[in-house]
């Protein structure tokens, strides 16, 4: 196992850059496209208000609702930052008033509370709305403190890692029994014998808290939140890993040890890698370890996971495969497609154009999965053939899949052809536009918006579709709150004036909630430390947290609607 840092030899770093292109100019139709995005948001949110107000999610086909995020009104909280960015002040004030009175001390449903989902949607939404609203609505921070206090019960004693699922009525984590099917729900390509009857947590649970919890620590003057989140984040990086800087996806929270050797930039690991560079930026390298770990992860990914697709008529498609058992699995996913934007961001911050160019190629390959389908929208999971073959660890492609691959440069893996209103492809496209100003990225956002308007509007609200290859495959009766938080926001921001919500002034959490960032440094190479405005690194945590049962947590799976549709 090689531990050197290849990136230092890729590109001579002559300067460090801001993320955004300095002279970025919008095309003449940008204002009209912004209005199109606003119209889609307001019309679909009006349907939510009509049929599902106060509940978590609209079910547009039934003209009803489900409470899949504990009944606290996830869509309202998740949509607040988008409302403010779009200038929808009336809706924003209404949402703030609602959110200020939520009782987070108990779940409104029998469901357990996910540390991960509650952090990124509710905690992130509350804190971002507080900042965007001028830091005048103290009730939003009071509610965020309630959430943080309840979620802190996920840490048992002095364990480095929290359990993910909590019973808010007892403040005790919950034991989850697993099966091969439930493992597939989490990572559709992964079935690992290392995952035993008690599911581990995943690095995307323990590693996707630090932005939100550090902000909560700031606004409550309580460092415990920061110390808990940093402790988990740091332990991921100090554990042994199958490849340098690329930790295994699973963790046993009771002893902090890795479970298995599965590596992916997709679900289960994704936002851990995302938050390394984002926390480095948010803290202005107060502790350079986060940027350093991100650079090592990218270095190893270029060495071991990155491949250009072969045996296809579409040239220069770059993919990051998964890895297990010493082999690359030639699969990727919509969830993983955030990586292009993340590499563009980190490459710009560290002044490394090689990483930026890799990020642009990853972004282009993910967009290709949109461009080559009948709907102009990409699938959940896809596969490819690399120079070392097409091993996926799953079923071999059918003859039709092979034909489709030769013509289009990817094929849909194992039937996972649905689109559940995910944002990642449009997210990376937004970063590519802001970093380069290349008009193709603007035009792709236009195309994505038009495809959603054409194929994801069942008459009420907005809905995912079961097969992106077909223009009439049927709708998924569930509008995830992240459509309002992420999809429509990234489309709108691509059309918006670049200096209004600049990537040089804000860091977006994994749910696309913008957090205020300090003035940028001249460089984010690990040797450059914070001058002012960033957090000071926390000291190792030695205090007590609530004693709770030894109960492994489980990361999120698919919605019940998707499970039923897939027969799982």
Foldseek 3Di string as FASTA:
>chain_A
DDQDQCLCVPDDQPFFFALFDPPFDFDPCLVVLLVLLVVQLVQQVVLCCVAPPQAAWFQFVVSHGDRPQLSRHLLLLLQLLVCLVSVVVVSNVVSLVSLLPGDPLAGPDQFWHFLLVCQQRQLLSLLLSCVSVPVPSVSSLVVSVSVLQLSLLQAAWQFLAGFTTAHSVVSFHAWDFDDQVQVCLQPVLDRDPLQDRTGFAFCSNLQQRQVSQVSSCVVVVNCVSNQSSVSSLVLQQVADAPWQLFHATGAQRVHGHRGFHKGDCAGSNVQSLLVLVLQCQQQVPLPLVSLVSNSRNVSRQVVPFWFWFPLAPDGLQIDGFMDHPHDTAFKDFLRSLLLLLSQSNSCSQASRVVSNVVSVNSLVNQQLQQCLAPLSDHFGMKGGAGPVGGHHNDDDDDPVQSVSCRHRVIGHPPQRAKDFLDARSLNSLLSVCRNPSDCVSLVSLVSVSVSQVQQQCPPHRGFIARHRRDSPRDTQRIRRSLNSNHRSSSSSCSSDDCPPQDPQQWRARPSRSTDGGPHHDRHSDSVDHDPDGGDNRDDNDDDTDDHHDSHHHYDDGDDPSVCVVVVD
